[in-house]
Amino acid sequence: MNKIIRFSIPFKAFASMLFAGIIVLYMVTGTIFAAVTGEDFSYSIPFIFILQGLGLSVLVSLLWTLFFDNAIIKKLRFFTRHLLFELSLLVLLAICFFTFLAIPTAWAKLWLIAIVAVSVFVLVLFGLCEMYFKKTGKRYTEILKAYQAENF
C-alpha cells in the first residue's frame, strides 16, 4: 500500500499541474487566435476538450514517471532519458493531434498551437537542464581533482 501511495501522490500532482497548464494554454491560445483571426472566442471550455486534456495529462504523467522516476529506470543517463522521453512525447502528441482532430471541435486548430507550445517548452526545459547538469558536473570534477591532488 505504501508503494502505491508513494507512486500515486507525485503522479497525481504532476497530472494535475499538466491539466491546469493545458487549460490555461487553451484559454491563452484561444484569446490570441481570436485576436489574430478576428473570430469570436467563447471563454467556455468544451467538454470534449476537458476530456482530451485529462487524457493527455495522464499519459504525459505516465511517460514522465517512466523515464524520470528512478524507481523504474535506474541506470540510464539523463540525456538518453530525455531523448527517449521527447521522442515518445512527440509520438503521443502526434497521435493525440490526429485523434482529436477527428473529434469535431470548433477550435481544433488550437491543438496544433498547443502541441507546438508544449514541444518547444519541453525542448527548452531539457536544454537548460542539460546545460546545468554539464556545468555542475564540470564543477564537481574540478573540486574532486583538487581534492585528489591535495590528499593523494
N, C-alpha and C. Protein backbone atom coordinates (compact mmCIF):
# COMPACT_ATOMS: atom_id res chain seq x y z
N MET A 1 0.82 -1.19 0.00
CA MET A 1 0.00 0.00 0.00
C MET A 1 0.87 1.26 0.00
N ASN A 2 1.98 1.20 0.76
CA ASN A 2 2.88 2.34 0.81
C ASN A 2 3.46 2.66 -0.56
N LYS A 3 3.79 1.61 -1.32
CA LYS A 3 4.36 1.82 -2.66
C LYS A 3 3.34 2.49 -3.58
N ILE A 4 2.10 2.10 -3.47
CA ILE A 4 1.06 2.71 -4.30
C ILE A 4 0.90 4.18 -3.95
N ILE A 5 0.91 4.50 -2.68
CA ILE A 5 0.77 5.89 -2.25
C ILE A 5 1.99 6.70 -2.67
N ARG A 6 3.21 6.13 -2.50
CA ARG A 6 4.42 6.84 -2.91
C ARG A 6 4.44 7.12 -4.40
N PHE A 7 3.85 6.23 -5.20
CA PHE A 7 3.79 6.43 -6.64
C PHE A 7 2.67 7.39 -7.02
N SER A 8 1.50 7.23 -6.39
CA SER A 8 0.31 7.96 -6.85
C SER A 8 0.32 9.44 -6.49
N ILE A 9 0.88 9.82 -5.37
CA ILE A 9 0.82 11.24 -4.97
C ILE A 9 1.60 12.13 -5.92
N PRO A 10 2.88 11.83 -6.23
CA PRO A 10 3.57 12.69 -7.21
C PRO A 10 2.96 12.60 -8.60
N PHE A 11 2.48 11.41 -8.97
CA PHE A 11 1.85 11.22 -10.27
C PHE A 11 0.61 12.10 -10.40
N LYS A 12 -0.25 12.07 -9.37
CA LYS A 12 -1.47 12.88 -9.40
C LYS A 12 -1.14 14.37 -9.40
N ALA A 13 -0.14 14.76 -8.62
CA ALA A 13 0.24 16.17 -8.56
C ALA A 13 0.74 16.65 -9.92
N PHE A 14 1.59 15.84 -10.57
CA PHE A 14 2.12 16.23 -11.88
C PHE A 14 1.00 16.26 -12.92
N ALA A 15 0.12 15.26 -12.90
CA ALA A 15 -1.00 15.24 -13.85
C ALA A 15 -1.92 16.44 -13.63
N SER A 16 -2.13 16.82 -12.39
CA SER A 16 -2.97 17.98 -12.09
C SER A 16 -2.34 19.27 -12.61
N MET A 17 -1.02 19.41 -12.40
CA MET A 17 -0.33 20.60 -12.92
C MET A 17 -0.39 20.65 -14.44
N LEU A 18 -0.21 19.50 -15.08
CA LEU A 18 -0.29 19.46 -16.54
C LEU A 18 -1.70 19.82 -17.02
N PHE A 19 -2.70 19.29 -16.36
CA PHE A 19 -4.08 19.58 -16.75
C PHE A 19 -4.37 21.08 -16.61
N ALA A 20 -3.95 21.66 -15.50
CA ALA A 20 -4.16 23.10 -15.31
C ALA A 20 -3.41 23.89 -16.38
N GLY A 21 -2.19 23.46 -16.70
CA GLY A 21 -1.42 24.13 -17.75
C GLY A 21 -2.09 24.02 -19.11
N ILE A 22 -2.66 22.85 -19.41
CA ILE A 22 -3.35 22.67 -20.69
C ILE A 22 -4.56 23.59 -20.78
N ILE A 23 -5.31 23.70 -19.71
CA ILE A 23 -6.49 24.57 -19.71
C ILE A 23 -6.08 26.03 -19.86
N VAL A 24 -5.05 26.46 -19.14
CA VAL A 24 -4.56 27.83 -19.27
C VAL A 24 -4.02 28.07 -20.68
N LEU A 25 -3.29 27.10 -21.22
CA LEU A 25 -2.78 27.21 -22.58
C LEU A 25 -3.91 27.33 -23.58
N TYR A 26 -4.99 26.58 -23.37
CA TYR A 26 -6.15 26.67 -24.25
C TYR A 26 -6.76 28.07 -24.20
N MET A 27 -6.90 28.62 -23.02
CA MET A 27 -7.50 29.95 -22.89
C MET A 27 -6.61 31.02 -23.52
N VAL A 28 -5.31 30.94 -23.29
CA VAL A 28 -4.39 31.94 -23.83
C VAL A 28 -4.31 31.83 -25.35
N THR A 29 -4.13 30.61 -25.86
CA THR A 29 -4.05 30.46 -27.32
C THR A 29 -5.37 30.79 -27.98
N GLY A 30 -6.48 30.49 -27.32
CA GLY A 30 -7.79 30.85 -27.87
C GLY A 30 -7.96 32.35 -27.99
N THR A 31 -7.54 33.07 -26.97
CA THR A 31 -7.63 34.52 -26.99
C THR A 31 -6.72 35.12 -28.08
N ILE A 32 -5.50 34.63 -28.15
CA ILE A 32 -4.57 35.13 -29.18
C ILE A 32 -5.05 34.75 -30.57
N PHE A 33 -5.52 33.51 -30.73
CA PHE A 33 -6.02 33.06 -32.03
C PHE A 33 -7.22 33.89 -32.48
N ALA A 34 -8.11 34.19 -31.53
CA ALA A 34 -9.28 35.01 -31.85
C ALA A 34 -8.87 36.43 -32.23
N ALA A 35 -7.88 36.98 -31.54
CA ALA A 35 -7.41 38.33 -31.85
C ALA A 35 -6.76 38.39 -33.22
N VAL A 36 -6.01 37.36 -33.58
CA VAL A 36 -5.32 37.35 -34.86
C VAL A 36 -6.28 37.12 -36.02
N THR A 37 -7.20 36.17 -35.85
CA THR A 37 -8.11 35.82 -36.94
C THR A 37 -9.37 36.68 -36.98
N GLY A 38 -9.68 37.35 -35.89
CA GLY A 38 -10.88 38.19 -35.85
C GLY A 38 -12.14 37.42 -35.50
N GLU A 39 -12.00 36.14 -35.18
CA GLU A 39 -13.15 35.33 -34.79
C GLU A 39 -13.47 35.58 -33.32
N ASP A 40 -14.71 35.30 -32.94
CA ASP A 40 -15.08 35.41 -31.53
C ASP A 40 -14.60 34.19 -30.78
N PHE A 41 -14.13 34.40 -29.57
CA PHE A 41 -13.68 33.30 -28.73
C PHE A 41 -14.61 33.19 -27.55
N SER A 42 -15.26 32.05 -27.43
CA SER A 42 -16.13 31.78 -26.29
C SER A 42 -15.24 31.29 -25.15
N TYR A 43 -15.35 31.92 -24.01
CA TYR A 43 -14.49 31.56 -22.90
C TYR A 43 -14.99 30.33 -22.15
N SER A 44 -16.00 29.68 -22.68
CA SER A 44 -16.41 28.41 -22.11
C SER A 44 -15.56 27.31 -22.75
N ILE A 45 -15.22 26.33 -21.97
CA ILE A 45 -14.36 25.26 -22.46
C ILE A 45 -15.24 24.07 -22.83
N PRO A 46 -15.12 23.59 -24.06
CA PRO A 46 -15.94 22.44 -24.46
C PRO A 46 -15.61 21.20 -23.62
N PHE A 47 -16.63 20.41 -23.35
CA PHE A 47 -16.46 19.21 -22.53
C PHE A 47 -15.48 18.24 -23.17
N ILE A 48 -15.50 18.13 -24.49
CA ILE A 48 -14.59 17.22 -25.18
C ILE A 48 -13.14 17.66 -24.96
N PHE A 49 -12.91 18.97 -24.87
CA PHE A 49 -11.55 19.45 -24.62
C PHE A 49 -11.10 19.09 -23.20
N ILE A 50 -12.03 19.14 -22.26
CA ILE A 50 -11.72 18.74 -20.88
C ILE A 50 -11.28 17.27 -20.87
N LEU A 51 -12.01 16.42 -21.57
CA LEU A 51 -11.66 15.01 -21.63
C LEU A 51 -10.32 14.80 -22.33
N GLN A 52 -10.09 15.52 -23.40
CA GLN A 52 -8.83 15.40 -24.13
C GLN A 52 -7.66 15.86 -23.25
N GLY A 53 -7.83 16.98 -22.58
CA GLY A 53 -6.78 17.48 -21.69
C GLY A 53 -6.51 16.54 -20.53
N LEU A 54 -7.56 15.95 -19.99
CA LEU A 54 -7.41 15.00 -18.89
C LEU A 54 -6.63 13.77 -19.36
N GLY A 55 -7.01 13.23 -20.50
CA GLY A 55 -6.31 12.06 -21.04
C GLY A 55 -4.86 12.38 -21.36
N LEU A 56 -4.63 13.52 -21.98
CA LEU A 56 -3.27 13.91 -22.33
C LEU A 56 -2.40 14.12 -21.09
N SER A 57 -2.95 14.74 -20.06
CA SER A 57 -2.15 14.97 -18.85
C SER A 57 -1.81 13.66 -18.14
N VAL A 58 -2.72 12.71 -18.15
CA VAL A 58 -2.44 11.41 -17.53
C VAL A 58 -1.37 10.67 -18.32
N LEU A 59 -1.47 10.68 -19.66
CA LEU A 59 -0.49 9.98 -20.49
C LEU A 59 0.90 10.61 -20.39
N VAL A 60 0.97 11.93 -20.38
CA VAL A 60 2.27 12.59 -20.24
C VAL A 60 2.85 12.32 -18.85
N SER A 61 2.01 12.28 -17.83
CA SER A 61 2.49 11.96 -16.48
C SER A 61 3.04 10.54 -16.42
N LEU A 62 2.39 9.61 -17.12
CA LEU A 62 2.91 8.25 -17.18
C LEU A 62 4.27 8.20 -17.86
N LEU A 63 4.41 8.92 -18.98
CA LEU A 63 5.70 8.97 -19.66
C LEU A 63 6.77 9.58 -18.76
N TRP A 64 6.44 10.67 -18.08
CA TRP A 64 7.38 11.35 -17.19
C TRP A 64 7.84 10.40 -16.08
N THR A 65 6.87 9.71 -15.48
CA THR A 65 7.19 8.78 -14.41
C THR A 65 8.05 7.63 -14.92
N LEU A 66 7.75 7.14 -16.11
CA LEU A 66 8.51 6.04 -16.68
C LEU A 66 9.97 6.42 -16.91
N PHE A 67 10.21 7.61 -17.47
CA PHE A 67 11.56 7.98 -17.86
C PHE A 67 12.35 8.71 -16.78
N PHE A 68 11.70 9.40 -15.86
CA PHE A 68 12.44 10.23 -14.91
C PHE A 68 12.31 9.83 -13.45
N ASP A 69 11.52 8.84 -13.16
CA ASP A 69 11.46 8.34 -11.79
C ASP A 69 12.48 7.22 -11.67
N ASN A 70 13.40 7.34 -10.76
CA ASN A 70 14.48 6.37 -10.63
C ASN A 70 14.02 5.00 -10.16
N ALA A 71 12.76 4.87 -9.79
CA ALA A 71 12.26 3.58 -9.34
C ALA A 71 12.08 2.61 -10.51
N ILE A 72 11.86 3.12 -11.71
CA ILE A 72 11.59 2.24 -12.85
C ILE A 72 12.85 2.03 -13.67
N ILE A 73 13.45 3.10 -14.16
CA ILE A 73 14.69 3.01 -14.93
C ILE A 73 15.80 3.55 -14.03
N LYS A 74 16.70 2.67 -13.61
CA LYS A 74 17.68 3.09 -12.61
C LYS A 74 18.99 3.58 -13.20
N LYS A 75 19.50 2.93 -14.23
CA LYS A 75 20.84 3.26 -14.71
C LYS A 75 20.78 3.68 -16.17
N LEU A 76 20.39 4.90 -16.38
CA LEU A 76 20.35 5.46 -17.72
C LEU A 76 20.68 6.94 -17.61
N ARG A 77 21.55 7.41 -18.48
CA ARG A 77 21.95 8.82 -18.43
C ARG A 77 20.75 9.73 -18.65
N PHE A 78 20.85 10.93 -18.10
CA PHE A 78 19.76 11.89 -18.24
C PHE A 78 19.50 12.24 -19.70
N PHE A 79 20.56 12.40 -20.47
CA PHE A 79 20.39 12.76 -21.88
C PHE A 79 19.63 11.67 -22.63
N THR A 80 19.94 10.41 -22.35
CA THR A 80 19.24 9.30 -23.01
C THR A 80 17.79 9.27 -22.58
N ARG A 81 17.54 9.48 -21.29
CA ARG A 81 16.16 9.54 -20.79
C ARG A 81 15.40 10.67 -21.49
N HIS A 82 16.06 11.82 -21.56
CA HIS A 82 15.43 12.97 -22.19
C HIS A 82 15.10 12.69 -23.64
N LEU A 83 16.03 12.10 -24.36
CA LEU A 83 15.82 11.80 -25.77
C LEU A 83 14.66 10.81 -25.95
N LEU A 84 14.64 9.76 -25.15
CA LEU A 84 13.54 8.79 -25.24
C LEU A 84 12.21 9.41 -24.84
N PHE A 85 12.23 10.25 -23.81
CA PHE A 85 11.01 10.93 -23.39
C PHE A 85 10.50 11.86 -24.48
N GLU A 86 11.39 12.64 -25.07
CA GLU A 86 10.98 13.60 -26.10
C GLU A 86 10.41 12.89 -27.32
N LEU A 87 11.06 11.82 -27.74
CA LEU A 87 10.56 11.07 -28.90
C LEU A 87 9.20 10.45 -28.61
N SER A 88 9.04 9.86 -27.44
CA SER A 88 7.75 9.26 -27.10
C SER A 88 6.68 10.33 -26.90
N LEU A 89 7.08 11.50 -26.38
CA LEU A 89 6.12 12.60 -26.22
C LEU A 89 5.67 13.12 -27.57
N LEU A 90 6.59 13.26 -28.52
CA LEU A 90 6.20 13.71 -29.85
C LEU A 90 5.27 12.72 -30.53
N VAL A 91 5.54 11.44 -30.37
CA VAL A 91 4.64 10.41 -30.93
C VAL A 91 3.27 10.51 -30.28
N LEU A 92 3.25 10.64 -28.95
CA LEU A 92 1.98 10.76 -28.23
C LEU A 92 1.21 12.00 -28.68
N LEU A 93 1.90 13.13 -28.79
CA LEU A 93 1.23 14.36 -29.21
C LEU A 93 0.72 14.26 -30.65
N ALA A 94 1.47 13.60 -31.51
CA ALA A 94 1.01 13.43 -32.89
C ALA A 94 -0.23 12.54 -32.94
N ILE A 95 -0.22 11.46 -32.16
CA ILE A 95 -1.41 10.59 -32.10
C ILE A 95 -2.60 11.36 -31.55
N CYS A 96 -2.37 12.13 -30.49
CA CYS A 96 -3.46 12.93 -29.92
C CYS A 96 -3.96 13.96 -30.92
N PHE A 97 -3.04 14.58 -31.64
CA PHE A 97 -3.41 15.60 -32.61
C PHE A 97 -4.33 15.01 -33.68
N PHE A 98 -3.95 13.88 -34.25
CA PHE A 98 -4.77 13.29 -35.30
C PHE A 98 -6.06 12.68 -34.76
N THR A 99 -6.01 12.15 -33.54
CA THR A 99 -7.22 11.62 -32.93
C THR A 99 -8.19 12.74 -32.57
N PHE A 100 -7.66 13.82 -31.98
CA PHE A 100 -8.52 14.90 -31.54
C PHE A 100 -9.07 15.71 -32.70
N LEU A 101 -8.34 15.75 -33.82
CA LEU A 101 -8.88 16.44 -34.98
C LEU A 101 -10.04 15.66 -35.58
N ALA A 102 -10.04 14.33 -35.39
CA ALA A 102 -11.16 13.53 -35.89
C ALA A 102 -12.42 13.78 -35.06
N ILE A 103 -12.23 14.18 -33.80
CA ILE A 103 -13.37 14.54 -32.96
C ILE A 103 -13.71 16.00 -33.25
N PRO A 104 -14.91 16.29 -33.71
CA PRO A 104 -15.19 17.67 -34.12
C PRO A 104 -15.20 18.65 -32.94
N THR A 105 -14.38 19.65 -33.06
CA THR A 105 -14.39 20.77 -32.12
C THR A 105 -14.27 22.05 -32.94
N ALA A 106 -14.79 23.11 -32.41
CA ALA A 106 -14.75 24.38 -33.13
C ALA A 106 -13.34 24.97 -33.15
N TRP A 107 -12.52 24.56 -32.19
CA TRP A 107 -11.18 25.14 -32.07
C TRP A 107 -10.10 24.08 -32.23
N ALA A 108 -10.24 23.23 -33.23
CA ALA A 108 -9.28 22.15 -33.43
C ALA A 108 -7.88 22.69 -33.77
N LYS A 109 -7.81 23.89 -34.36
CA LYS A 109 -6.51 24.47 -34.70
C LYS A 109 -5.70 24.79 -33.45
N LEU A 110 -6.38 24.96 -32.34
CA LEU A 110 -5.66 25.25 -31.10
C LEU A 110 -4.82 24.06 -30.65
N TRP A 111 -5.19 22.85 -31.05
CA TRP A 111 -4.38 21.69 -30.69
C TRP A 111 -3.02 21.78 -31.35
N LEU A 112 -2.97 22.23 -32.58
CA LEU A 112 -1.69 22.39 -33.25
C LEU A 112 -0.83 23.41 -32.51
N ILE A 113 -1.42 24.51 -32.13
CA ILE A 113 -0.70 25.53 -31.38
C ILE A 113 -0.25 24.98 -30.02
N ALA A 114 -1.13 24.24 -29.35
CA ALA A 114 -0.79 23.67 -28.05
C ALA A 114 0.34 22.64 -28.17
N ILE A 115 0.30 21.81 -29.20
CA ILE A 115 1.34 20.80 -29.38
C ILE A 115 2.68 21.46 -29.64
N VAL A 116 2.70 22.48 -30.47
CA VAL A 116 3.96 23.19 -30.74
C VAL A 116 4.45 23.86 -29.46
N ALA A 117 3.56 24.49 -28.71
CA ALA A 117 3.97 25.16 -27.47
C ALA A 117 4.53 24.18 -26.46
N VAL A 118 3.88 23.04 -26.28
CA VAL A 118 4.35 22.04 -25.33
C VAL A 118 5.70 21.49 -25.78
N SER A 119 5.85 21.21 -27.06
CA SER A 119 7.11 20.66 -27.57
C SER A 119 8.26 21.66 -27.40
N VAL A 120 8.02 22.91 -27.71
CA VAL A 120 9.05 23.93 -27.55
C VAL A 120 9.40 24.09 -26.07
N PHE A 121 8.41 24.09 -25.21
CA PHE A 121 8.66 24.22 -23.77
C PHE A 121 9.52 23.06 -23.26
N VAL A 122 9.17 21.85 -23.66
CA VAL A 122 9.93 20.68 -23.21
C VAL A 122 11.36 20.73 -23.73
N LEU A 123 11.53 21.10 -25.00
CA LEU A 123 12.88 21.20 -25.56
C LEU A 123 13.72 22.24 -24.84
N VAL A 124 13.14 23.40 -24.57
CA VAL A 124 13.87 24.46 -23.87
C VAL A 124 14.18 24.03 -22.44
N LEU A 125 13.22 23.44 -21.77
CA LEU A 125 13.42 22.99 -20.39
C LEU A 125 14.56 21.97 -20.31
N PHE A 126 14.55 21.00 -21.19
CA PHE A 126 15.58 19.98 -21.12
C PHE A 126 16.92 20.48 -21.63
N GLY A 127 16.91 21.42 -22.54
CA GLY A 127 18.17 22.05 -22.95
C GLY A 127 18.81 22.78 -21.79
N LEU A 128 18.01 23.52 -21.04
CA LEU A 128 18.52 24.21 -19.85
C LEU A 128 19.00 23.22 -18.79
N CYS A 129 18.26 22.15 -18.59
CA CYS A 129 18.66 21.13 -17.60
C CYS A 129 19.97 20.47 -18.01
N GLU A 130 20.10 20.16 -19.29
CA GLU A 130 21.33 19.52 -19.77
C GLU A 130 22.53 20.45 -19.58
N MET A 131 22.36 21.74 -19.89
CA MET A 131 23.46 22.69 -19.68
C MET A 131 23.80 22.80 -18.19
N TYR A 132 22.78 22.82 -17.33
CA TYR A 132 23.01 22.89 -15.89
C TYR A 132 23.77 21.67 -15.40
N PHE A 133 23.34 20.48 -15.84
CA PHE A 133 24.00 19.25 -15.40
C PHE A 133 25.45 19.19 -15.88
N LYS A 134 25.72 19.64 -17.09
CA LYS A 134 27.09 19.66 -17.58
C LYS A 134 27.95 20.62 -16.78
N LYS A 135 27.40 21.80 -16.50
CA LYS A 135 28.15 22.80 -15.72
C LYS A 135 28.41 22.29 -14.31
N THR A 136 27.40 21.71 -13.68
CA THR A 136 27.55 21.17 -12.34
C THR A 136 28.54 20.02 -12.34
N GLY A 137 28.47 19.15 -13.34
CA GLY A 137 29.39 18.03 -13.43
C GLY A 137 30.83 18.48 -13.58
N LYS A 138 31.08 19.50 -14.40
CA LYS A 138 32.44 20.03 -14.56
C LYS A 138 32.94 20.62 -13.25
N ARG A 139 32.06 21.33 -12.55
CA ARG A 139 32.46 21.94 -11.29
C ARG A 139 32.82 20.87 -10.26
N TYR A 140 32.02 19.82 -10.15
CA TYR A 140 32.32 18.75 -9.21
C TYR A 140 33.58 17.99 -9.61
N THR A 141 33.81 17.83 -10.91
CA THR A 141 35.04 17.18 -11.37
C THR A 141 36.25 18.00 -10.98
N GLU A 142 36.19 19.32 -11.13
CA GLU A 142 37.31 20.18 -10.73
C GLU A 142 37.55 20.10 -9.22
N ILE A 143 36.48 20.11 -8.44
CA ILE A 143 36.62 20.01 -6.98
C ILE A 143 37.22 18.66 -6.61
N LEU A 144 36.79 17.58 -7.27
CA LEU A 144 37.33 16.26 -6.99
C LEU A 144 38.81 16.18 -7.35
N LYS A 145 39.20 16.75 -8.49
CA LYS A 145 40.59 16.75 -8.89
C LYS A 145 41.45 17.53 -7.88
N ALA A 146 40.94 18.66 -7.42
CA ALA A 146 41.68 19.45 -6.43
C ALA A 146 41.81 18.67 -5.12
N TYR A 147 40.78 17.99 -4.73
CA TYR A 147 40.81 17.19 -3.51
C TYR A 147 41.81 16.05 -3.64
N GLN A 148 41.78 15.38 -4.80
CA GLN A 148 42.71 14.26 -5.01
C GLN A 148 44.16 14.76 -5.05
N ALA A 149 44.39 15.93 -5.62
CA ALA A 149 45.75 16.49 -5.69
C ALA A 149 46.26 16.80 -4.29
N GLU A 150 45.40 17.28 -3.41
CA GLU A 150 45.80 17.62 -2.05
C GLU A 150 46.03 16.39 -1.18
N ASN A 151 45.21 15.36 -1.33
CA ASN A 151 45.22 14.24 -0.41
C ASN A 151 45.94 13.00 -0.92
N PHE A 152 46.27 12.92 -2.17
CA PHE A 152 46.91 11.69 -2.66
C PHE A 152 48.21 11.97 -3.27
